[in-house]
N, C-alpha and C. Protein backbone atom coordinates (compact mmCIF):
# COMPACT_ATOMS: atom_id res chain seq x y z
N UNK A 1 -25.93 -13.90 -7.73
CA UNK A 1 -26.23 -14.39 -9.05
C UNK A 1 -27.17 -15.58 -9.00
N UNK A 2 -27.55 -16.01 -10.15
CA UNK A 2 -28.46 -17.14 -10.27
C UNK A 2 -27.70 -18.45 -10.17
N UNK A 3 -28.35 -19.46 -9.66
CA UNK A 3 -27.73 -20.76 -9.52
C UNK A 3 -28.71 -21.82 -9.98
N UNK A 4 -28.23 -22.79 -10.73
CA UNK A 4 -29.06 -23.91 -11.17
C UNK A 4 -28.40 -25.18 -10.67
N UNK A 5 -29.18 -26.00 -9.99
CA UNK A 5 -28.67 -27.26 -9.49
C UNK A 5 -29.57 -28.36 -10.02
N UNK A 6 -28.99 -29.33 -10.64
CA UNK A 6 -29.78 -30.45 -11.18
C UNK A 6 -29.11 -31.75 -10.76
N UNK A 7 -29.91 -32.69 -10.35
CA UNK A 7 -29.39 -33.99 -9.95
C UNK A 7 -30.26 -35.06 -10.60
N UNK A 8 -29.67 -35.91 -11.39
CA UNK A 8 -30.39 -36.98 -12.08
C UNK A 8 -29.87 -38.32 -11.63
N UNK A 9 -30.01 -38.61 -10.36
CA UNK A 9 -29.52 -39.87 -9.81
C UNK A 9 -30.34 -41.03 -10.39
N UNK A 10 -29.65 -42.01 -10.92
CA UNK A 10 -30.28 -43.19 -11.49
C UNK A 10 -31.38 -42.82 -12.49
N UNK A 11 -31.10 -41.82 -13.27
CA UNK A 11 -32.07 -41.32 -14.25
C UNK A 11 -31.87 -42.01 -15.59
N UNK A 12 -32.92 -41.99 -16.39
CA UNK A 12 -32.79 -42.47 -17.76
C UNK A 12 -32.87 -41.30 -18.73
N UNK A 13 -32.55 -40.11 -18.24
CA UNK A 13 -32.59 -38.91 -19.06
C UNK A 13 -31.72 -39.12 -20.30
N UNK A 14 -32.25 -38.71 -21.45
CA UNK A 14 -31.53 -38.85 -22.71
C UNK A 14 -31.80 -37.59 -23.53
N UNK A 15 -30.74 -36.93 -23.94
CA UNK A 15 -30.90 -35.71 -24.73
C UNK A 15 -30.48 -34.47 -23.95
N UNK A 16 -30.79 -33.30 -24.49
CA UNK A 16 -30.31 -32.06 -23.87
C UNK A 16 -31.17 -31.61 -22.69
N UNK A 17 -30.50 -30.96 -21.73
CA UNK A 17 -31.15 -30.25 -20.64
C UNK A 17 -30.87 -28.78 -20.87
N UNK A 18 -31.91 -27.96 -20.92
CA UNK A 18 -31.75 -26.53 -21.16
C UNK A 18 -32.54 -25.76 -20.12
N UNK A 19 -32.00 -24.60 -19.70
CA UNK A 19 -32.71 -23.75 -18.75
C UNK A 19 -32.46 -22.29 -19.11
N UNK A 20 -33.49 -21.45 -18.86
CA UNK A 20 -33.41 -20.02 -19.16
C UNK A 20 -33.83 -19.23 -17.93
N UNK A 21 -33.38 -17.97 -17.84
CA UNK A 21 -33.82 -17.10 -16.74
C UNK A 21 -35.11 -16.38 -17.12
N UNK A 22 -35.57 -15.49 -16.27
CA UNK A 22 -36.83 -14.78 -16.49
C UNK A 22 -36.80 -13.89 -17.73
N UNK A 23 -35.62 -13.44 -18.13
CA UNK A 23 -35.47 -12.60 -19.33
C UNK A 23 -35.24 -13.43 -20.59
N UNK A 24 -35.45 -14.75 -20.47
CA UNK A 24 -35.28 -15.68 -21.61
C UNK A 24 -33.82 -15.78 -22.07
N UNK A 25 -32.88 -15.53 -21.14
CA UNK A 25 -31.45 -15.72 -21.45
C UNK A 25 -31.05 -17.12 -20.99
N UNK A 26 -30.19 -17.75 -21.78
CA UNK A 26 -29.73 -19.10 -21.44
C UNK A 26 -28.99 -19.12 -20.11
N UNK A 27 -29.22 -20.16 -19.32
CA UNK A 27 -28.51 -20.38 -18.06
C UNK A 27 -27.62 -21.60 -18.12
N UNK A 28 -28.15 -22.69 -18.66
CA UNK A 28 -27.40 -23.94 -18.68
C UNK A 28 -27.81 -24.78 -19.89
N UNK A 29 -26.85 -25.51 -20.39
CA UNK A 29 -27.09 -26.51 -21.43
C UNK A 29 -26.26 -27.72 -21.04
N UNK A 30 -26.87 -28.89 -21.05
CA UNK A 30 -26.14 -30.12 -20.74
C UNK A 30 -26.67 -31.23 -21.62
N UNK A 31 -25.79 -32.09 -22.06
CA UNK A 31 -26.17 -33.22 -22.91
C UNK A 31 -26.09 -34.50 -22.09
N UNK A 32 -27.17 -35.29 -22.12
CA UNK A 32 -27.24 -36.55 -21.39
C UNK A 32 -27.43 -37.71 -22.36
N UNK A 33 -26.85 -38.84 -22.00
CA UNK A 33 -27.04 -40.06 -22.75
C UNK A 33 -27.24 -41.19 -21.75
N UNK A 34 -28.43 -41.79 -21.77
CA UNK A 34 -28.78 -42.86 -20.83
C UNK A 34 -28.53 -42.47 -19.37
N UNK A 35 -28.95 -41.24 -19.02
CA UNK A 35 -28.87 -40.79 -17.64
C UNK A 35 -27.52 -40.25 -17.21
N UNK A 36 -26.57 -40.19 -18.11
CA UNK A 36 -25.23 -39.70 -17.75
C UNK A 36 -24.86 -38.48 -18.58
N UNK A 37 -24.12 -37.54 -17.94
CA UNK A 37 -23.61 -36.41 -18.70
C UNK A 37 -22.65 -36.96 -19.74
N UNK A 38 -22.88 -36.59 -20.98
CA UNK A 38 -22.05 -37.11 -22.05
C UNK A 38 -22.02 -36.07 -23.15
N UNK A 39 -20.90 -35.38 -23.28
CA UNK A 39 -20.80 -34.31 -24.26
C UNK A 39 -20.58 -32.98 -23.57
N UNK A 40 -21.23 -31.96 -24.06
CA UNK A 40 -21.01 -30.60 -23.60
C UNK A 40 -21.95 -30.21 -22.47
N UNK A 41 -21.38 -29.56 -21.46
CA UNK A 41 -22.14 -28.88 -20.42
C UNK A 41 -21.65 -27.44 -20.45
N UNK A 42 -22.58 -26.50 -20.52
CA UNK A 42 -22.20 -25.10 -20.63
C UNK A 42 -23.06 -24.26 -19.69
N UNK A 43 -22.41 -23.40 -18.90
CA UNK A 43 -23.09 -22.46 -18.02
C UNK A 43 -22.98 -21.07 -18.64
N UNK A 44 -24.04 -20.28 -18.49
CA UNK A 44 -24.11 -18.96 -19.12
C UNK A 44 -24.29 -17.87 -18.08
N UNK A 45 -23.78 -16.67 -18.39
CA UNK A 45 -24.02 -15.44 -17.63
C UNK A 45 -24.53 -14.42 -18.63
N UNK A 46 -25.66 -13.82 -18.32
CA UNK A 46 -26.27 -12.81 -19.20
C UNK A 46 -26.41 -13.34 -20.62
N UNK A 47 -26.70 -14.62 -20.76
CA UNK A 47 -26.91 -15.22 -22.07
C UNK A 47 -25.65 -15.63 -22.81
N UNK A 48 -24.48 -15.35 -22.26
CA UNK A 48 -23.21 -15.72 -22.90
C UNK A 48 -22.52 -16.83 -22.12
N UNK A 49 -21.89 -17.77 -22.81
CA UNK A 49 -21.21 -18.85 -22.09
C UNK A 49 -20.04 -18.33 -21.27
N UNK A 50 -19.86 -18.86 -20.06
CA UNK A 50 -18.69 -18.49 -19.26
C UNK A 50 -17.93 -19.71 -18.79
N UNK A 51 -18.59 -20.87 -18.76
CA UNK A 51 -17.91 -22.10 -18.37
C UNK A 51 -18.40 -23.23 -19.27
N UNK A 52 -17.48 -23.97 -19.84
CA UNK A 52 -17.83 -25.11 -20.68
C UNK A 52 -17.06 -26.33 -20.18
N UNK A 53 -17.74 -27.46 -20.17
CA UNK A 53 -17.11 -28.70 -19.74
C UNK A 53 -17.36 -29.78 -20.78
N UNK A 54 -16.40 -30.67 -20.93
CA UNK A 54 -16.55 -31.85 -21.78
C UNK A 54 -16.68 -33.05 -20.85
N UNK A 55 -17.76 -33.84 -21.05
CA UNK A 55 -18.02 -35.02 -20.23
C UNK A 55 -18.08 -36.26 -21.11
N UNK A 56 -17.66 -37.36 -20.55
CA UNK A 56 -17.79 -38.64 -21.23
C UNK A 56 -18.23 -39.67 -20.20
N UNK A 57 -19.48 -40.13 -20.33
CA UNK A 57 -20.01 -41.14 -19.41
C UNK A 57 -19.97 -40.72 -17.96
N UNK A 58 -20.35 -39.48 -17.66
CA UNK A 58 -20.37 -38.91 -16.31
C UNK A 58 -18.97 -38.63 -15.76
N UNK A 59 -17.95 -38.68 -16.57
CA UNK A 59 -16.59 -38.35 -16.15
C UNK A 59 -16.17 -37.05 -16.82
N UNK A 60 -15.73 -36.07 -16.00
CA UNK A 60 -15.26 -34.80 -16.54
C UNK A 60 -13.95 -35.01 -17.29
N UNK A 61 -13.93 -34.61 -18.55
CA UNK A 61 -12.74 -34.76 -19.39
C UNK A 61 -11.92 -33.48 -19.36
N UNK A 62 -12.54 -32.35 -19.64
CA UNK A 62 -11.87 -31.05 -19.61
C UNK A 62 -12.86 -29.96 -19.25
N UNK A 63 -12.32 -28.86 -18.73
CA UNK A 63 -13.13 -27.73 -18.32
C UNK A 63 -12.48 -26.46 -18.87
N UNK A 64 -13.32 -25.54 -19.34
CA UNK A 64 -12.83 -24.32 -19.97
C UNK A 64 -13.54 -23.11 -19.39
N UNK A 65 -12.81 -22.05 -19.12
CA UNK A 65 -13.38 -20.75 -18.81
C UNK A 65 -13.50 -20.02 -20.14
N UNK A 66 -14.67 -19.53 -20.45
CA UNK A 66 -14.88 -18.83 -21.72
C UNK A 66 -14.71 -17.34 -21.46
N UNK A 67 -13.67 -16.77 -22.02
CA UNK A 67 -13.35 -15.36 -21.80
C UNK A 67 -13.72 -14.54 -23.03
N UNK A 68 -14.14 -13.31 -22.79
CA UNK A 68 -14.44 -12.41 -23.88
C UNK A 68 -13.18 -11.62 -24.20
N UNK A 69 -12.79 -11.64 -25.48
CA UNK A 69 -11.61 -10.92 -25.93
C UNK A 69 -12.03 -9.94 -27.02
N UNK A 70 -11.10 -9.18 -27.52
CA UNK A 70 -11.38 -8.23 -28.60
C UNK A 70 -11.83 -8.96 -29.87
N UNK A 71 -11.50 -10.25 -29.98
CA UNK A 71 -11.84 -11.03 -31.17
C UNK A 71 -13.07 -11.92 -30.96
N UNK A 72 -13.74 -11.79 -29.81
CA UNK A 72 -14.91 -12.62 -29.53
C UNK A 72 -14.68 -13.48 -28.31
N UNK A 73 -15.41 -14.58 -28.22
CA UNK A 73 -15.29 -15.49 -27.09
C UNK A 73 -14.16 -16.49 -27.32
N UNK A 74 -13.41 -16.75 -26.27
CA UNK A 74 -12.25 -17.63 -26.38
C UNK A 74 -12.20 -18.58 -25.19
N UNK A 75 -12.24 -19.90 -25.42
CA UNK A 75 -12.15 -20.84 -24.30
C UNK A 75 -10.70 -20.99 -23.83
N UNK A 76 -10.53 -21.01 -22.50
CA UNK A 76 -9.21 -21.19 -21.90
C UNK A 76 -9.29 -22.44 -21.03
N UNK A 77 -8.44 -23.40 -21.29
CA UNK A 77 -8.42 -24.64 -20.54
C UNK A 77 -8.20 -24.33 -19.06
N UNK A 78 -9.09 -24.81 -18.19
CA UNK A 78 -9.07 -24.46 -16.77
C UNK A 78 -7.73 -24.79 -16.10
N UNK A 79 -7.15 -25.91 -16.43
CA UNK A 79 -5.89 -26.29 -15.76
C UNK A 79 -4.72 -25.41 -16.16
N UNK A 80 -4.89 -24.56 -17.18
CA UNK A 80 -3.82 -23.65 -17.60
C UNK A 80 -4.08 -22.21 -17.18
N UNK A 81 -5.13 -21.98 -16.38
CA UNK A 81 -5.50 -20.62 -15.98
C UNK A 81 -4.43 -19.99 -15.11
N UNK A 82 -4.27 -18.70 -15.28
CA UNK A 82 -3.41 -17.93 -14.40
C UNK A 82 -4.15 -17.72 -13.08
N UNK A 83 -3.43 -17.44 -12.03
CA UNK A 83 -4.02 -17.28 -10.70
C UNK A 83 -5.15 -16.27 -10.70
N UNK A 84 -5.00 -15.14 -11.38
CA UNK A 84 -6.03 -14.10 -11.37
C UNK A 84 -7.30 -14.54 -12.09
N UNK A 85 -7.18 -15.49 -13.01
CA UNK A 85 -8.35 -15.98 -13.74
C UNK A 85 -9.03 -17.13 -13.02
N UNK A 86 -8.32 -17.87 -12.21
CA UNK A 86 -8.86 -19.06 -11.56
C UNK A 86 -10.04 -18.73 -10.66
N UNK A 87 -10.08 -17.55 -10.07
CA UNK A 87 -11.20 -17.14 -9.24
C UNK A 87 -12.51 -17.08 -9.98
N UNK A 88 -12.46 -16.90 -11.29
CA UNK A 88 -13.68 -16.86 -12.11
C UNK A 88 -14.43 -18.19 -12.05
N UNK A 89 -13.73 -19.28 -11.87
CA UNK A 89 -14.38 -20.58 -11.82
C UNK A 89 -15.19 -20.77 -10.54
N UNK A 90 -14.88 -19.99 -9.51
CA UNK A 90 -15.57 -20.15 -8.22
C UNK A 90 -16.74 -19.21 -8.06
N UNK A 91 -16.98 -18.34 -9.00
CA UNK A 91 -18.10 -17.40 -8.90
C UNK A 91 -19.37 -18.03 -9.34
């Protein structure tokens, strides 16, 4: 699969970071404030979110696996994942 790695050491980046693949599908969205992740970070597969994180001042607050259900997309708090779902976070 595709991998995006970004490092903003001692950066003054402010605002959103967005990236797309060759087919113009979203890969990553991250919100920065004064060089720090602050707000939502979301990773995408085939244009759909699969991992969402909440950040506050470069500190991870919560992480969610976004699962597709019969009713649409549903975030599942990572620390409450069942063993069979936890492997999804490592892909």
